[in-house]
N, C-alpha and C. Protein backbone atom coordinates (compact mmCIF):
# COMPACT_ATOMS: atom_id res chain seq x y z
N MET A 1 0.89 -1.13 -0.06
CA MET A 1 -0.01 -0.06 0.02
C MET A 1 0.88 1.33 -0.12
N CYS A 2 2.03 1.12 0.61
CA CYS A 2 2.84 2.41 0.88
C CYS A 2 3.49 2.64 -0.42
N SER A 3 3.87 1.51 -1.18
CA SER A 3 4.47 1.73 -2.58
C SER A 3 3.54 2.35 -3.48
N THR A 4 2.28 2.10 -3.23
CA THR A 4 1.30 2.68 -4.22
C THR A 4 1.33 4.28 -3.93
N PHE A 5 1.27 4.71 -2.80
CA PHE A 5 1.37 6.16 -2.55
C PHE A 5 2.61 6.81 -2.99
N ALA A 6 3.67 6.00 -2.94
CA ALA A 6 4.98 6.47 -3.39
C ALA A 6 5.02 6.61 -4.87
N ARG A 7 4.41 5.72 -5.61
CA ARG A 7 4.28 5.71 -7.03
C ARG A 7 3.50 6.97 -7.47
N ALA A 8 2.39 7.17 -6.77
CA ALA A 8 1.38 8.26 -7.10
C ALA A 8 2.19 9.56 -6.78
N GLY A 9 3.12 9.62 -5.77
CA GLY A 9 3.84 10.85 -5.52
C GLY A 9 4.89 11.06 -6.75
N GLN A 10 5.40 9.97 -7.08
CA GLN A 10 6.34 10.13 -8.24
C GLN A 10 5.79 10.58 -9.48
N LEU A 11 4.48 9.90 -9.83
CA LEU A 11 3.88 10.27 -11.03
C LEU A 11 3.45 11.87 -11.00
N SER A 12 2.94 12.33 -9.77
CA SER A 12 2.64 13.69 -9.73
C SER A 12 3.86 14.61 -9.91
N LYS A 13 4.97 14.20 -9.34
CA LYS A 13 6.29 14.94 -9.56
C LYS A 13 6.78 15.01 -11.07
N VAL A 14 6.49 13.80 -11.71
CA VAL A 14 6.82 13.78 -13.20
C VAL A 14 5.86 14.75 -13.99
N PHE A 15 4.47 14.69 -13.70
CA PHE A 15 3.60 15.52 -14.34
C PHE A 15 3.87 17.05 -14.03
N GLN A 16 4.29 17.30 -12.86
CA GLN A 16 4.45 18.66 -12.37
C GLN A 16 5.65 19.11 -13.09
N LYS A 17 6.81 18.26 -13.24
CA LYS A 17 8.12 18.73 -13.93
C LYS A 17 7.69 18.96 -15.36
N ASP A 18 6.79 18.15 -16.01
CA ASP A 18 6.59 18.21 -17.41
C ASP A 18 5.75 19.47 -17.48
N ALA A 19 4.76 19.77 -16.73
CA ALA A 19 4.09 21.01 -16.88
C ALA A 19 4.86 22.26 -16.79
N GLU A 20 5.79 22.28 -15.77
CA GLU A 20 6.72 23.47 -15.78
C GLU A 20 7.77 23.47 -16.83
N ALA A 21 8.23 22.40 -17.45
CA ALA A 21 9.01 22.48 -18.65
C ALA A 21 8.19 22.87 -19.84
N GLU A 22 6.93 22.54 -19.87
CA GLU A 22 6.19 23.17 -20.99
C GLU A 22 5.85 24.66 -20.88
N MET A 23 5.56 25.04 -19.63
CA MET A 23 5.41 26.42 -19.51
C MET A 23 6.58 27.23 -19.69
N GLU A 24 7.70 26.66 -19.37
CA GLU A 24 9.10 27.50 -19.70
C GLU A 24 9.17 27.66 -21.20
N MET A 25 8.85 26.46 -21.89
CA MET A 25 9.13 26.58 -23.41
C MET A 25 8.03 27.55 -23.89
N ARG A 26 6.94 27.43 -23.49
CA ARG A 26 5.94 28.39 -23.97
C ARG A 26 6.26 29.96 -23.76
N THR A 27 6.89 30.21 -22.57
CA THR A 27 7.36 31.54 -22.25
C THR A 27 8.53 31.94 -23.06
N ASP A 28 9.38 30.90 -23.30
CA ASP A 28 10.51 31.26 -24.19
C ASP A 28 9.95 31.59 -25.64
N ILE A 29 9.11 30.84 -26.04
CA ILE A 29 8.55 31.14 -27.36
C ILE A 29 7.96 32.38 -27.48
N GLN A 30 7.22 32.81 -26.44
CA GLN A 30 6.52 34.19 -26.50
C GLN A 30 7.56 35.18 -26.44
N GLU A 31 8.62 35.05 -25.66
CA GLU A 31 9.68 36.11 -25.52
C GLU A 31 10.32 36.16 -26.88
N MET A 32 10.64 35.11 -27.55
CA MET A 32 11.44 35.11 -28.87
C MET A 32 10.57 35.78 -29.91
N LYS A 33 9.23 35.56 -29.81
CA LYS A 33 8.32 36.20 -30.71
C LYS A 33 8.30 37.76 -30.64
N MET A 34 8.27 37.97 -29.34
CA MET A 34 8.29 39.60 -28.94
C MET A 34 9.66 40.17 -29.51
N GLU A 35 10.69 39.36 -29.34
CA GLU A 35 12.01 39.90 -29.99
C GLU A 35 11.96 40.04 -31.33
N LEU A 36 11.39 38.93 -32.03
CA LEU A 36 11.26 38.90 -33.43
C LEU A 36 10.55 40.03 -33.98
N SER A 37 9.43 40.43 -33.28
CA SER A 37 8.66 41.54 -33.83
C SER A 37 9.29 42.91 -33.73
N THR A 38 10.34 42.94 -32.97
CA THR A 38 11.24 44.24 -32.87
C THR A 38 12.29 44.26 -33.85
N VAL A 39 12.76 43.08 -34.52
CA VAL A 39 13.73 42.93 -35.43
C VAL A 39 13.29 43.15 -36.88
N SER A 40 14.05 44.11 -37.55
CA SER A 40 13.57 44.40 -38.85
C SER A 40 14.12 43.22 -39.84
N MET A 41 13.20 42.55 -40.70
CA MET A 41 13.56 41.61 -41.49
C MET A 41 14.63 42.12 -42.72
N MET A 42 14.26 43.40 -43.13
CA MET A 42 15.11 43.88 -44.19
C MET A 42 16.63 44.15 -43.79
N ASP A 43 16.67 44.78 -42.60
CA ASP A 43 17.88 45.33 -41.99
C ASP A 43 18.77 44.21 -41.40
N GLU A 44 18.05 43.39 -40.69
CA GLU A 44 18.94 42.30 -39.88
C GLU A 44 18.33 40.94 -40.31
N PHE A 45 18.56 40.64 -41.62
CA PHE A 45 17.92 39.33 -42.02
C PHE A 45 18.59 38.08 -41.37
N ALA A 46 19.87 38.17 -41.26
CA ALA A 46 20.57 36.95 -40.64
C ALA A 46 19.97 36.74 -39.16
N ARG A 47 19.92 37.77 -38.33
CA ARG A 47 19.42 37.63 -37.02
C ARG A 47 18.03 37.22 -36.93
N TYR A 48 17.20 37.90 -37.90
CA TYR A 48 15.76 37.54 -38.03
C TYR A 48 15.49 36.00 -38.32
N ALA A 49 16.45 35.50 -39.33
CA ALA A 49 16.23 34.03 -39.81
C ALA A 49 16.72 33.08 -38.54
N ARG A 50 17.71 33.46 -38.00
CA ARG A 50 18.15 32.68 -36.67
C ARG A 50 17.25 32.54 -35.70
N LEU A 51 16.57 33.80 -35.39
CA LEU A 51 15.57 33.82 -34.32
C LEU A 51 14.32 32.95 -34.76
N GLU A 52 14.02 33.09 -36.06
CA GLU A 52 12.78 32.30 -36.48
C GLU A 52 13.04 30.84 -36.42
N ARG A 53 14.36 30.38 -36.96
CA ARG A 53 14.63 29.05 -36.77
C ARG A 53 14.49 28.51 -35.33
N LYS A 54 15.06 29.42 -34.41
CA LYS A 54 15.01 28.95 -33.02
C LYS A 54 13.63 28.89 -32.48
N ILE A 55 12.77 29.85 -32.93
CA ILE A 55 11.31 29.66 -32.48
C ILE A 55 10.67 28.42 -33.07
N ASN A 56 10.88 27.99 -34.34
CA ASN A 56 10.48 26.84 -34.98
C ASN A 56 11.08 25.65 -34.22
N LYS A 57 12.20 25.59 -33.94
CA LYS A 57 12.83 24.45 -33.29
C LYS A 57 12.17 24.34 -31.80
N THR A 58 12.05 25.42 -31.20
CA THR A 58 11.48 25.30 -29.65
C THR A 58 9.92 24.86 -29.86
N THR A 59 9.29 25.50 -30.82
CA THR A 59 7.86 25.02 -30.97
C THR A 59 7.75 23.46 -31.27
N ASP A 60 8.69 22.97 -32.15
CA ASP A 60 8.62 21.46 -32.56
C ASP A 60 8.91 20.65 -31.28
N LYS A 61 10.01 21.16 -30.44
CA LYS A 61 10.23 20.59 -29.26
C LYS A 61 9.07 20.43 -28.31
N LEU A 62 8.41 21.61 -28.27
CA LEU A 62 7.10 21.65 -27.32
C LEU A 62 6.14 20.67 -27.83
N LYS A 63 5.93 20.77 -29.15
CA LYS A 63 4.85 19.75 -29.68
C LYS A 63 5.11 18.28 -29.34
N SER A 64 6.54 17.83 -29.67
CA SER A 64 6.85 16.51 -29.36
C SER A 64 6.77 16.13 -27.77
N HIS A 65 7.06 17.17 -26.91
CA HIS A 65 6.98 16.94 -25.49
C HIS A 65 5.46 16.83 -25.11
N VAL A 66 4.49 17.59 -25.77
CA VAL A 66 3.20 17.46 -25.35
C VAL A 66 2.68 16.19 -25.87
N LYS A 67 3.15 15.75 -27.08
CA LYS A 67 2.46 14.45 -27.62
C LYS A 67 2.97 13.36 -26.82
N SER A 68 4.26 13.39 -26.27
CA SER A 68 4.57 12.18 -25.54
C SER A 68 3.98 12.21 -24.03
N ARG A 69 3.73 13.45 -23.55
CA ARG A 69 2.99 13.39 -22.18
C ARG A 69 1.56 12.96 -22.51
N THR A 70 0.92 13.29 -23.54
CA THR A 70 -0.24 12.89 -23.81
C THR A 70 -0.40 11.41 -24.09
N ALA A 71 0.48 10.80 -24.74
CA ALA A 71 0.42 9.45 -24.92
C ALA A 71 0.71 8.62 -23.65
N TYR A 72 1.56 9.21 -22.75
CA TYR A 72 1.79 8.57 -21.37
C TYR A 72 0.51 8.70 -20.56
N GLN A 73 -0.08 9.81 -20.59
CA GLN A 73 -1.36 9.97 -19.87
C GLN A 73 -2.54 8.90 -20.26
N ALA A 74 -2.46 8.71 -21.78
CA ALA A 74 -3.37 7.78 -22.33
C ALA A 74 -3.05 6.33 -21.86
N LYS A 75 -1.95 5.97 -21.77
CA LYS A 75 -1.50 4.61 -21.35
C LYS A 75 -1.90 4.45 -19.90
N VAL A 76 -1.62 5.46 -19.01
CA VAL A 76 -1.94 5.37 -17.62
C VAL A 76 -3.45 5.20 -17.48
N LYS A 77 -4.28 6.08 -18.14
CA LYS A 77 -5.61 5.93 -18.21
C LYS A 77 -6.18 4.68 -18.58
N TRP A 78 -5.58 4.06 -19.63
CA TRP A 78 -5.95 2.63 -20.10
C TRP A 78 -5.87 1.73 -18.93
N GLY A 79 -4.72 1.75 -18.52
CA GLY A 79 -4.13 0.77 -17.44
C GLY A 79 -5.25 0.85 -16.20
N VAL A 80 -5.57 2.09 -15.79
CA VAL A 80 -6.47 2.31 -14.69
C VAL A 80 -7.79 1.63 -15.05
N ASN A 81 -8.34 1.94 -16.20
CA ASN A 81 -9.60 1.41 -16.65
C ASN A 81 -9.49 -0.02 -16.69
N ILE A 82 -8.42 -0.76 -17.01
CA ILE A 82 -8.37 -2.23 -17.18
C ILE A 82 -8.35 -2.83 -15.79
N VAL A 83 -7.64 -2.26 -14.83
CA VAL A 83 -7.70 -2.61 -13.41
C VAL A 83 -9.16 -2.42 -12.96
N TYR A 84 -9.72 -1.30 -13.14
CA TYR A 84 -10.94 -1.17 -12.57
C TYR A 84 -12.03 -2.10 -13.07
N HIS A 85 -12.05 -2.42 -14.33
CA HIS A 85 -12.97 -3.44 -15.01
C HIS A 85 -12.65 -4.95 -14.47
N VAL A 86 -11.42 -5.13 -14.34
CA VAL A 86 -11.06 -6.49 -13.74
C VAL A 86 -11.50 -6.62 -12.22
N LEU A 87 -11.32 -5.54 -11.62
CA LEU A 87 -11.79 -5.49 -10.05
C LEU A 87 -13.34 -5.71 -9.97
N GLN A 88 -14.00 -4.98 -10.87
CA GLN A 88 -15.51 -4.94 -10.93
C GLN A 88 -16.00 -6.41 -11.32
N ALA A 89 -15.32 -7.08 -12.18
CA ALA A 89 -15.72 -8.46 -12.58
C ALA A 89 -15.48 -9.44 -11.53
N VAL A 90 -14.28 -9.29 -10.81
CA VAL A 90 -14.03 -10.18 -9.79
C VAL A 90 -14.95 -10.02 -8.60
N LEU A 91 -15.38 -8.71 -8.27
CA LEU A 91 -16.47 -8.42 -7.35
C LEU A 91 -17.79 -9.12 -7.75
N MET A 92 -18.10 -8.99 -8.93
CA MET A 92 -19.51 -9.41 -9.40
C MET A 92 -19.44 -10.96 -9.29
N VAL A 93 -18.36 -11.63 -9.85
CA VAL A 93 -18.40 -13.13 -9.66
C VAL A 93 -18.28 -13.53 -8.21
N THR A 94 -17.58 -12.86 -7.46
CA THR A 94 -17.51 -13.32 -5.86
C THR A 94 -18.91 -13.05 -5.27
N LEU A 95 -19.65 -11.94 -5.67
CA LEU A 95 -20.93 -11.75 -4.92
C LEU A 95 -21.97 -12.86 -5.55
N ILE A 96 -21.91 -13.11 -6.85
CA ILE A 96 -22.80 -14.30 -7.38
C ILE A 96 -22.45 -15.58 -6.67
N TRP A 97 -21.20 -15.84 -6.51
CA TRP A 97 -20.76 -17.15 -6.12
C TRP A 97 -21.21 -17.30 -4.50
N LYS A 98 -21.04 -16.28 -3.73
CA LYS A 98 -21.42 -16.22 -2.30
C LYS A 98 -22.84 -16.33 -2.17
N PHE A 99 -23.64 -15.53 -2.83
CA PHE A 99 -25.06 -15.41 -2.58
C PHE A 99 -25.95 -16.05 -3.63
N TYR A 100 -25.48 -17.25 -4.28
CA TYR A 100 -26.00 -17.87 -5.18
C TYR A 100 -27.50 -18.47 -4.87
N ALA A 101 -27.56 -19.06 -3.75
CA ALA A 101 -28.73 -19.67 -3.38
C ALA A 101 -29.75 -18.88 -2.62
N SER A 102 -29.42 -17.63 -2.28
CA SER A 102 -30.31 -16.78 -1.36
C SER A 102 -30.72 -15.60 -2.30
N PRO A 103 -32.08 -15.25 -2.19
CA PRO A 103 -32.54 -14.05 -2.99
C PRO A 103 -32.20 -12.87 -2.23
N VAL A 104 -31.84 -11.78 -2.88
CA VAL A 104 -31.60 -10.60 -2.42
C VAL A 104 -32.83 -9.89 -1.54
N THR A 105 -33.92 -10.05 -2.33
CA THR A 105 -35.31 -9.71 -1.58
C THR A 105 -36.31 -10.52 -2.16
N VAL A 106 -37.36 -10.54 -1.46
CA VAL A 106 -38.56 -11.22 -2.05
C VAL A 106 -39.71 -10.22 -2.35
N LEU A 107 -40.25 -10.37 -3.47
CA LEU A 107 -41.33 -9.45 -3.89
C LEU A 107 -42.60 -10.34 -4.16
N PRO A 108 -43.77 -9.66 -4.02
CA PRO A 108 -44.92 -10.58 -4.36
C PRO A 108 -44.91 -11.03 -5.82
N SER A 109 -45.24 -12.29 -5.83
CA SER A 109 -45.14 -13.04 -7.18
C SER A 109 -45.88 -12.35 -8.22
N LYS A 110 -46.96 -11.56 -8.01
CA LYS A 110 -47.79 -10.92 -9.03
C LYS A 110 -46.98 -9.77 -9.67
N TRP A 111 -46.10 -9.17 -8.96
CA TRP A 111 -45.30 -8.11 -9.54
C TRP A 111 -44.34 -8.47 -10.69
N ILE A 112 -43.82 -9.72 -10.69
CA ILE A 112 -42.91 -10.09 -11.61
C ILE A 112 -43.45 -11.36 -12.43
N VAL A 113 -44.71 -11.49 -12.67
CA VAL A 113 -45.30 -12.64 -13.25
C VAL A 113 -44.58 -13.29 -14.44
N PRO A 114 -44.59 -12.54 -15.44
CA PRO A 114 -43.99 -13.09 -16.68
C PRO A 114 -42.43 -13.34 -16.72
N LEU A 115 -41.69 -12.70 -15.83
CA LEU A 115 -40.28 -12.82 -15.77
C LEU A 115 -39.68 -13.49 -14.40
N GLU A 116 -40.78 -14.13 -13.67
CA GLU A 116 -40.48 -14.60 -12.34
C GLU A 116 -39.14 -15.47 -12.26
N ARG A 117 -39.05 -16.38 -13.21
CA ARG A 117 -37.99 -17.50 -13.08
C ARG A 117 -36.68 -16.68 -13.49
N LEU A 118 -36.84 -15.68 -14.36
CA LEU A 118 -35.50 -14.98 -14.81
C LEU A 118 -35.07 -14.12 -13.56
N VAL A 119 -35.99 -13.37 -13.03
CA VAL A 119 -35.52 -12.59 -11.89
C VAL A 119 -35.01 -13.23 -10.77
N ALA A 120 -35.55 -14.42 -10.50
CA ALA A 120 -35.26 -15.24 -9.41
C ALA A 120 -33.89 -16.01 -9.60
N PHE A 121 -33.43 -15.98 -10.86
CA PHE A 121 -32.19 -16.74 -11.06
C PHE A 121 -31.08 -16.08 -10.39
N PRO A 122 -30.09 -16.92 -9.74
CA PRO A 122 -29.99 -18.31 -9.74
C PRO A 122 -30.66 -18.88 -8.41
N SER A 123 -31.36 -18.25 -7.55
CA SER A 123 -31.76 -18.66 -6.22
C SER A 123 -32.98 -19.64 -6.52
N GLY A 124 -33.75 -19.44 -7.41
CA GLY A 124 -34.90 -20.17 -7.72
C GLY A 124 -36.12 -20.15 -6.70
N VAL A 125 -36.07 -19.12 -5.77
CA VAL A 125 -37.12 -18.92 -4.85
C VAL A 125 -38.18 -18.07 -5.60
N ALA A 126 -39.52 -18.61 -5.54
CA ALA A 126 -40.60 -17.86 -6.07
C ALA A 126 -40.76 -16.50 -5.45
N GLY A 127 -40.85 -15.47 -6.43
CA GLY A 127 -40.86 -14.07 -5.99
C GLY A 127 -39.58 -13.46 -5.50
N GLY A 128 -38.66 -14.20 -5.54
CA GLY A 128 -37.26 -13.64 -4.99
C GLY A 128 -36.64 -12.88 -6.22
N VAL A 129 -35.66 -12.02 -5.78
CA VAL A 129 -34.86 -11.33 -6.74
C VAL A 129 -33.37 -11.99 -6.49
N GLY A 130 -32.94 -12.67 -7.55
CA GLY A 130 -31.62 -13.26 -7.47
C GLY A 130 -30.49 -12.30 -7.52
N ILE A 131 -29.25 -12.68 -7.07
CA ILE A 131 -28.17 -11.56 -7.17
C ILE A 131 -27.74 -11.24 -8.54
N THR A 132 -28.05 -12.06 -9.56
CA THR A 132 -27.53 -11.76 -10.95
C THR A 132 -28.35 -10.52 -11.35
N CYS A 133 -29.80 -10.87 -11.22
CA CYS A 133 -30.66 -9.69 -11.72
C CYS A 133 -30.49 -8.48 -10.83
N TRP A 134 -30.18 -8.60 -9.68
CA TRP A 134 -30.00 -7.40 -8.83
C TRP A 134 -28.76 -6.58 -9.17
N LEU A 135 -27.61 -7.40 -9.52
CA LEU A 135 -26.48 -6.72 -9.93
C LEU A 135 -26.68 -6.03 -11.39
N VAL A 136 -27.39 -6.73 -12.32
CA VAL A 136 -27.64 -6.08 -13.65
C VAL A 136 -28.46 -4.83 -13.43
N VAL A 137 -29.49 -4.88 -12.68
CA VAL A 137 -30.27 -3.61 -12.55
C VAL A 137 -29.41 -2.52 -11.86
N CYS A 138 -28.69 -2.77 -10.96
CA CYS A 138 -27.98 -1.87 -9.99
C CYS A 138 -26.90 -1.23 -11.11
N ASN A 139 -26.15 -2.22 -11.82
CA ASN A 139 -25.29 -1.57 -12.76
C ASN A 139 -25.96 -0.62 -13.81
N LYS A 140 -27.00 -1.06 -14.26
CA LYS A 140 -27.81 -0.12 -15.22
C LYS A 140 -28.18 1.32 -14.53
N VAL A 141 -28.64 1.11 -13.40
CA VAL A 141 -29.10 2.41 -12.65
C VAL A 141 -27.98 3.19 -12.45
N VAL A 142 -26.85 2.68 -11.98
CA VAL A 142 -25.69 3.67 -11.87
C VAL A 142 -25.24 4.16 -13.18
N ALA A 143 -25.08 3.45 -14.23
CA ALA A 143 -24.71 3.90 -15.62
C ALA A 143 -25.64 5.04 -16.03
N LEU A 144 -26.95 4.90 -15.95
CA LEU A 144 -27.81 6.01 -16.15
C LEU A 144 -27.72 7.25 -15.38
N LEU A 145 -27.43 7.06 -14.15
CA LEU A 145 -27.18 8.22 -13.28
C LEU A 145 -25.86 8.91 -13.63
N LEU A 146 -24.89 8.13 -13.95
CA LEU A 146 -23.59 8.71 -14.40
C LEU A 146 -23.67 9.36 -15.68
N GLN A 147 -24.53 8.87 -16.49
CA GLN A 147 -24.87 9.44 -17.88
C GLN A 147 -25.55 10.86 -17.68
N ALA A 148 -26.46 10.80 -16.81
CA ALA A 148 -27.29 11.94 -16.58
C ALA A 148 -26.38 13.17 -16.02
N VAL A 149 -25.70 12.67 -14.97
CA VAL A 149 -24.57 13.71 -14.33
C VAL A 149 -23.48 14.15 -15.24
N GLY A 150 -23.05 13.26 -16.02
CA GLY A 150 -21.85 13.62 -16.84
C GLY A 150 -22.23 13.99 -18.11
């Protein structure tokens, strides 16, 4: 657990350092553009061209830096999503395994007449709501709430 917090701290330091480097490059580019606007292209062509090449080089470096950071963030997000879904699947299977034979709740049979056997699966109790149906309904409700909020 402690190593997880250490890694999170290291990641935040890396992202902070990247953000600082990007801000520094952006500031340098702005300063060079300000200087470029003061230089006369006709009178000081060599200086103007050097400054323009330097701006282009720094801009390309900034673009590649941003692209690599974005790719790294996408990989981290992908990894977190995979871990989340695996943990969710393990939790669902564990709950189904543990509460296989007992219903989550029992409703009057009249309420769920056409789907009584499906809703009761896997417990088989008449009028009962099985863990599988309960988990499906809960997941759908949570997904709809998150969609409404987000």
